[in-house]
C-alpha atoms as a PDB file:
ATOM      1  CA  MET A   1     127.360 -35.318  59.045  1.00  0.00           C
ATOM      2  CA  PHE A   2     130.860 -34.974  57.634  1.00  0.00           C
ATOM      3  CA  LYS A   3     130.369 -38.209  55.576  1.00  0.00           C
ATOM      4  CA  LEU A   4     127.252 -36.669  54.129  1.00  0.00           C
ATOM      5  CA  LEU A   5     128.900 -33.746  53.328  1.00  0.00           C
ATOM      6  CA  LEU A   6     131.988 -35.604  51.595  1.00  0.00           C
ATOM      7  CA  VAL A   7     129.692 -37.442  49.767  1.00  0.00           C
ATOM      8  CA  VAL A   8     127.753 -34.551  48.726  1.00  0.00           C
ATOM      9  CA  PHE A   9     131.045 -32.842  47.494  1.00  0.00           C
ATOM     10  CA  LEU A  10     132.147 -36.070  45.706  1.00  0.00           C
ATOM     11  CA  VAL A  11     129.070 -35.988  43.900  1.00  0.00           C
ATOM     12  CA  VAL A  12     129.205 -32.267  42.830  1.00  0.00           C
ATOM     13  CA  CYS A  13     132.827 -32.751  41.533  1.00  0.00           C
ATOM     14  CA  VAL A  14     132.129 -35.748  39.518  1.00  0.00           C
ATOM     15  CA  ILE A  15     129.040 -33.909  37.830  1.00  0.00           C
ATOM     16  CA  GLY A  16     131.430 -30.779  37.365  1.00  0.00           C
ATOM     17  CA  ILE A  17     133.881 -33.281  35.515  1.00  0.00           C
ATOM     18  CA  ILE A  18     131.148 -35.047  33.566  1.00  0.00           C
ATOM     19  CA  LEU A  19     130.012 -31.805  32.478  1.00  0.00           C
ATOM     20  CA  TYR A  20     133.413 -30.500  31.962  1.00  0.00           C
ATOM     21  CA  MET A  21     134.248 -33.393  29.807  1.00  0.00           C
ATOM     22  CA  LEU A  22     130.818 -32.897  27.677  1.00  0.00           C
ATOM     23  CA  LYS A  23     131.118 -29.511  26.966  1.00  0.00           C
ATOM     24  CA  SER A  24     134.787 -29.336  26.065  1.00  0.00           C
ATOM     25  CA  ASN A  25     135.655 -29.419  22.437  1.00  0.00           C
ATOM     26  CA  ASN A  26     138.456 -31.918  22.831  1.00  0.00           C
ATOM     27  CA  SER A  27     138.091 -35.003  20.652  1.00  0.00           C
ATOM     28  CA  TRP A  28     138.850 -37.369  23.592  1.00  0.00           C
ATOM     29  CA  ASP A  29     136.972 -40.014  22.404  1.00  0.00           C
ATOM     30  CA  GLU A  30     137.635 -40.167  18.713  1.00  0.00           C
ATOM     31  CA  TYR A  31     138.996 -43.783  17.859  1.00  0.00           C
ATOM     32  CA  ASP A  32     140.288 -45.198  14.461  1.00  0.00           C
ATOM     33  CA  GLU A  33     139.051 -48.561  13.289  1.00  0.00           C
ATOM     34  CA  ARG A  34     141.927 -50.243  14.694  1.00  0.00           C
ATOM     35  CA  GLN A  35     141.462 -48.878  18.342  1.00  0.00           C
ATOM     36  CA  GLN A  36     137.896 -50.004  18.468  1.00  0.00           C
ATOM     37  CA  LEU A  37     138.634 -53.225  17.292  1.00  0.00           C
ATOM     38  CA  ILE A  38     141.405 -53.449  19.959  1.00  0.00           C
ATOM     39  CA  LYS A  39     138.932 -52.035  22.508  1.00  0.00           C
ATOM     40  CA  GLY A  40     136.592 -54.735  21.627  1.00  0.00           C
ATOM     41  CA  LYS A  41     138.943 -57.514  22.310  1.00  0.00           C
ATOM     42  CA  GLY A  42     140.107 -55.849  25.427  1.00  0.00           C
ATOM     43  CA  TYR A  43     136.479 -55.821  26.597  1.00  0.00           C
ATOM     44  CA  CYS A  44     136.035 -59.343  25.520  1.00  0.00           C
ATOM     45  CA  TYR A  45     139.403 -60.448  28.084  1.00  0.00           C
ATOM     46  CA  SER A  46     137.754 -57.963  30.819  1.00  0.00           C
ATOM     47  CA  PHE A  47     134.386 -59.701  30.462  1.00  0.00           C
ATOM     48  CA  PHE A  48     135.858 -63.268  30.608  1.00  0.00           C
ATOM     49  CA  THR A  49     138.025 -62.405  33.552  1.00  0.00           C
ATOM     50  CA  VAL A  50     135.092 -61.137  35.501  1.00  0.00           C
ATOM     51  CA  VAL A  51     133.119 -64.115  34.739  1.00  0.00           C
ATOM     52  CA  VAL A  52     135.996 -66.537  35.623  1.00  0.00           C
ATOM     53  CA  ALA A  53     136.905 -64.726  38.929  1.00  0.00           C
ATOM     54  CA  ASN A  54     132.820 -64.579  39.556  1.00  0.00           C
ATOM     55  CA  PHE A  55     133.125 -68.532  39.210  1.00  0.00           C
ATOM     56  CA  ILE A  56     135.921 -68.882  41.474  1.00  0.00           C
ATOM     57  CA  TYR A  57     134.318 -66.841  44.193  1.00  0.00           C
ATOM     58  CA  LEU A  58     131.228 -68.657  43.993  1.00  0.00           C
ATOM     59  CA  CYS A  59     132.996 -72.207  44.249  1.00  0.00           C
ATOM     60  CA  TYR A  60     135.065 -70.330  47.358  1.00  0.00           C
ATOM     61  CA  LEU A  61     131.749 -69.409  48.784  1.00  0.00           C
ATOM     62  CA  GLU A  62     130.340 -72.958  48.194  1.00  0.00           C
ATOM     63  CA  ILE A  63     133.341 -74.843  49.927  1.00  0.00           C
ATOM     64  CA  VAL A  64     133.987 -72.556  52.852  1.00  0.00           C
ATOM     65  CA  GLU A  65     131.326 -72.118  55.571  1.00  0.00           C
ATOM     66  CA  ASN A  66     132.562 -68.910  57.025  1.00  0.00           C
ATOM     67  CA  PRO A  67     134.142 -66.733  54.082  1.00  0.00           C
ATOM     68  CA  VAL A  68     137.134 -64.335  55.144  1.00  0.00           C
ATOM     69  CA  VAL A  69     136.079 -61.914  52.216  1.00  0.00           C
ATOM     70  CA  SER A  70     132.770 -60.374  52.123  1.00  0.00           C
ATOM     71  CA  PRO A  71     130.757 -60.182  48.841  1.00  0.00           C
ATOM     72  CA  SER A  72     130.851 -56.588  48.543  1.00  0.00           C
ATOM     73  CA  VAL A  73     134.562 -56.674  48.916  1.00  0.00           C
ATOM     74  CA  ALA A  74     134.832 -59.466  46.430  1.00  0.00           C
ATOM     75  CA  THR A  75     132.779 -57.781  43.962  1.00  0.00           C
ATOM     76  CA  LEU A  76     134.487 -54.721  43.926  1.00  0.00           C
ATOM     77  CA  ALA A  77     137.734 -56.394  43.646  1.00  0.00           C
ATOM     78  CA  ILE A  78     136.778 -58.656  40.569  1.00  0.00           C
ATOM     79  CA  VAL A  79     135.206 -55.471  39.033  1.00  0.00           C
ATOM     80  CA  CYS A  80     138.471 -53.811  39.409  1.00  0.00           C
ATOM     81  CA  ILE A  81     140.394 -56.631  38.219  1.00  0.00           C
ATOM     82  CA  GLY A  82     138.011 -56.367  34.824  1.00  0.00           C
ATOM     83  CA  ILE A  83     139.092 -52.786  34.680  1.00  0.00           C
ATOM     84  CA  VAL A  84     142.683 -53.079  34.991  1.00  0.00           C
ATOM     85  CA  VAL A  85     142.746 -55.962  32.462  1.00  0.00           C
ATOM     86  CA  PHE A  86     140.791 -53.719  29.928  1.00  0.00           C
ATOM     87  CA  GLU A  87     143.140 -50.616  30.800  1.00  0.00           C
ATOM     88  CA  ILE A  88     146.293 -52.711  30.458  1.00  0.00           C
ATOM     89  CA  TYR A  89     145.326 -54.250  27.443  1.00  0.00           C
ATOM     90  CA  CYS A  90     144.255 -51.069  25.697  1.00  0.00           C
ATOM     91  CA  ILE A  91     147.388 -49.115  26.880  1.00  0.00           C
ATOM     92  CA  LYS A  92     149.697 -51.751  25.543  1.00  0.00           C
ATOM     93  CA  ASN A  93     147.914 -51.574  22.115  1.00  0.00           C
ATOM     94  CA  ASP A  94     147.748 -47.892  21.926  1.00  0.00           C
ATOM     95  CA  ALA A  95     143.947 -48.006  22.060  1.00  0.00           C
ATOM     96  CA  PHE A  96     143.365 -46.706  25.486  1.00  0.00           C
ATOM     97  CA  TRP A  97     143.079 -42.795  24.568  1.00  0.00           C
ATOM     98  CA  GLY A  98     141.498 -41.246  21.512  1.00  0.00           C
ATOM     99  CA  ILE A  99     143.430 -40.242  18.394  1.00  0.00           C
ATOM    100  CA  ARG A 100     144.010 -36.410  19.641  1.00  0.00           C
ATOM    101  CA  TYR A 101     143.728 -37.180  23.588  1.00  0.00           C
ATOM    102  CA  LYS A 102     147.344 -38.266  23.701  1.00  0.00           C
ATOM    103  CA  ASN A 103     148.119 -34.824  24.353  1.00  0.00           C
ATOM    104  CA  ASN A 104     146.579 -34.672  27.341  1.00  0.00           C
ATOM    105  CA  LEU A 105     148.341 -37.684  28.513  1.00  0.00           C
ATOM    106  CA  TYR A 106     150.109 -36.147  31.379  1.00  0.00           C
ATOM    107  CA  LYS A 107     147.109 -34.742  32.872  1.00  0.00           C
ATOM    108  CA  CYS A 108     145.829 -38.177  33.020  1.00  0.00           C
ATOM    109  CA  ILE A 109     148.726 -39.767  34.660  1.00  0.00           C
ATOM    110  CA  TRP A 110     148.457 -36.729  37.599  1.00  0.00           C
ATOM    111  CA  ILE A 111     144.896 -37.228  37.777  1.00  0.00           C
ATOM    112  CA  TRP A 112     145.188 -40.965  38.514  1.00  0.00           C
ATOM    113  CA  ALA A 113     148.218 -40.290  40.484  1.00  0.00           C
ATOM    114  CA  PHE A 114     145.961 -38.287  43.088  1.00  0.00           C
ATOM    115  CA  VAL A 115     143.057 -40.534  43.115  1.00  0.00           C
ATOM    116  CA  ALA A 116     145.379 -43.439  43.840  1.00  0.00           C
ATOM    117  CA  ALA A 117     147.193 -41.399  46.708  1.00  0.00           C
ATOM    118  CA  VAL A 118     144.031 -40.178  48.304  1.00  0.00           C
ATOM    119  CA  ASN A 119     142.506 -43.826  48.050  1.00  0.00           C
ATOM    120  CA  LEU A 120     145.538 -45.567  49.352  1.00  0.00           C
ATOM    121  CA  PHE A 121     145.897 -42.963  52.141  1.00  0.00           C
ATOM    122  CA  VAL A 122     142.249 -43.116  53.112  1.00  0.00           C
ATOM    123  CA  GLY A 123     142.390 -46.990  52.969  1.00  0.00           C
ATOM    124  CA  VAL A 124     145.639 -46.802  55.007  1.00  0.00           C
ATOM    125  CA  ILE A 125     144.022 -44.860  57.740  1.00  0.00           C
ATOM    126  CA  ASN A 126     140.596 -47.111  57.919  1.00  0.00           C
ATOM    127  CA  VAL A 127     142.755 -50.281  58.199  1.00  0.00           C
ATOM    128  CA  MET A 128     144.399 -48.551  61.137  1.00  0.00           C
ATOM    129  CA  GLU A 129     141.300 -47.407  62.544  1.00  0.00           C
ATOM    130  CA  LYS A 130     138.997 -50.074  62.002  1.00  0.00           C
ATOM    131  CA  GLY A 131     141.375 -53.001  61.501  1.00  0.00           C
ATOM    132  CA  LEU A 132     141.395 -55.074  58.614  1.00  0.00           C
ATOM    133  CA  PHE A 133     139.408 -57.812  60.127  1.00  0.00           C
ATOM    134  CA  ILE A 134     135.788 -56.816  61.163  1.00  0.00           C
ATOM    135  CA  ASP A 135     134.010 -60.003  63.164  1.00  0.00           C
ATOM    136  CA  GLY A 136     136.334 -62.337  61.192  1.00  0.00           C
ATOM    137  CA  ARG A 137     135.915 -61.016  57.655  1.00  0.00           C
ATOM    138  CA  ILE A 138     137.799 -58.365  55.408  1.00  0.00           C
ATOM    139  CA  GLU A 139     134.631 -55.772  55.276  1.00  0.00           C
ATOM    140  CA  PHE A 140     133.802 -53.225  52.735  1.00  0.00           C
ATOM    141  CA  GLU A 141     134.491 -50.220  54.654  1.00  0.00           C
ATOM    142  CA  SER A 142     138.084 -51.670  55.917  1.00  0.00           C
ATOM    143  CA  VAL A 143     139.407 -52.063  52.507  1.00  0.00           C
ATOM    144  CA  ALA A 144     137.143 -50.472  49.434  1.00  0.00           C
ATOM    145  CA  ASN A 145     139.550 -47.450  49.270  1.00  0.00           C
ATOM    146  CA  LEU A 146     142.514 -49.832  49.346  1.00  0.00           C
ATOM    147  CA  ILE A 147     141.169 -51.550  46.491  1.00  0.00           C
ATOM    148  CA  THR A 148     140.091 -48.558  44.454  1.00  0.00           C
ATOM    149  CA  GLY A 149     144.010 -46.894  45.120  1.00  0.00           C
ATOM    150  CA  ILE A 150     145.593 -50.147  43.953  1.00  0.00           C
ATOM    151  CA  THR A 151     143.378 -50.151  40.762  1.00  0.00           C
ATOM    152  CA  PHE A 152     144.559 -46.679  39.914  1.00  0.00           C
ATOM    153  CA  PHE A 153     148.044 -47.196  40.869  1.00  0.00           C
ATOM    154  CA  ALA A 154     147.955 -50.212  38.476  1.00  0.00           C
ATOM    155  CA  MET A 155     146.621 -48.134  35.810  1.00  0.00           C
ATOM    156  CA  GLY A 156     149.080 -45.349  36.371  1.00  0.00           C
ATOM    157  CA  PHE A 157     151.827 -47.928  36.450  1.00  0.00           C
ATOM    158  CA  ALA A 158     150.656 -49.435  33.090  1.00  0.00           C
ATOM    159  CA  ILE A 159     150.838 -45.573  31.647  1.00  0.00           C
ATOM    160  CA  MET A 160     154.475 -45.307  32.774  1.00  0.00           C
ATOM    161  CA  ILE A 161     155.566 -48.465  31.704  1.00  0.00           C
ATOM    162  CA  LYS A 162     154.193 -47.648  28.207  1.00  0.00           C
ATOM    163  CA  LEU A 163     155.642 -44.481  27.989  1.00  0.00           C
ATOM    164  CA  ALA A 164     159.358 -45.794  29.305  1.00  0.00           C
ATOM    165  CA  VAL A 165     158.741 -48.443  26.268  1.00  0.00           C
ATOM    166  CA  GLU A 166     157.603 -45.809  23.805  1.00  0.00           C
ATOM    167  CA  LYS A 167     160.967 -43.698  24.713  1.00  0.00           C
ATOM    168  CA  ARG A 168     163.435 -46.307  24.577  1.00  0.00           C
ATOM    169  CA  ASN A 169     162.067 -47.664  21.203  1.00  0.00           C
ATOM    170  CA  LYS A 170     162.497 -44.006  19.963  1.00  0.00           C
ATOM    171  CA  GLU A 171     166.216 -43.980  20.872  1.00  0.00           C
END
């Protein structure tokens, strides 16, 4: 019952955030031509990273009889790796945010830090309660939150590095 309430709460929160973003007058998605080209290249790098990672996992499944990692965990990890590749490339090249959204950058950092912290906390609790291995495999329910938390942590860390580099270059 608790899990159902939690899922309903999260769905309502996500819908609320999406509606807020759609109704707000902030131009958070206005990109200039340079940014659009960089984002396209970032999508390309991300796509090929996902393709190569899927191929590697497919080869792993063909070679190993009893895989240590379940397909659902591998799929989530591969998607998250693709997201991180895109995000780091776009942040490095100043194309992750729209032209006017950079003013809200610190809000984004705090939201990502919160999401990372919650997911890492829940992930550690899941691993402590269920263990990392369930029936000899790393299963989705034990590490999904850890993978998501690490993804958001990597995204926040990339932003912090970019801000530090920009501050250093200004001085």
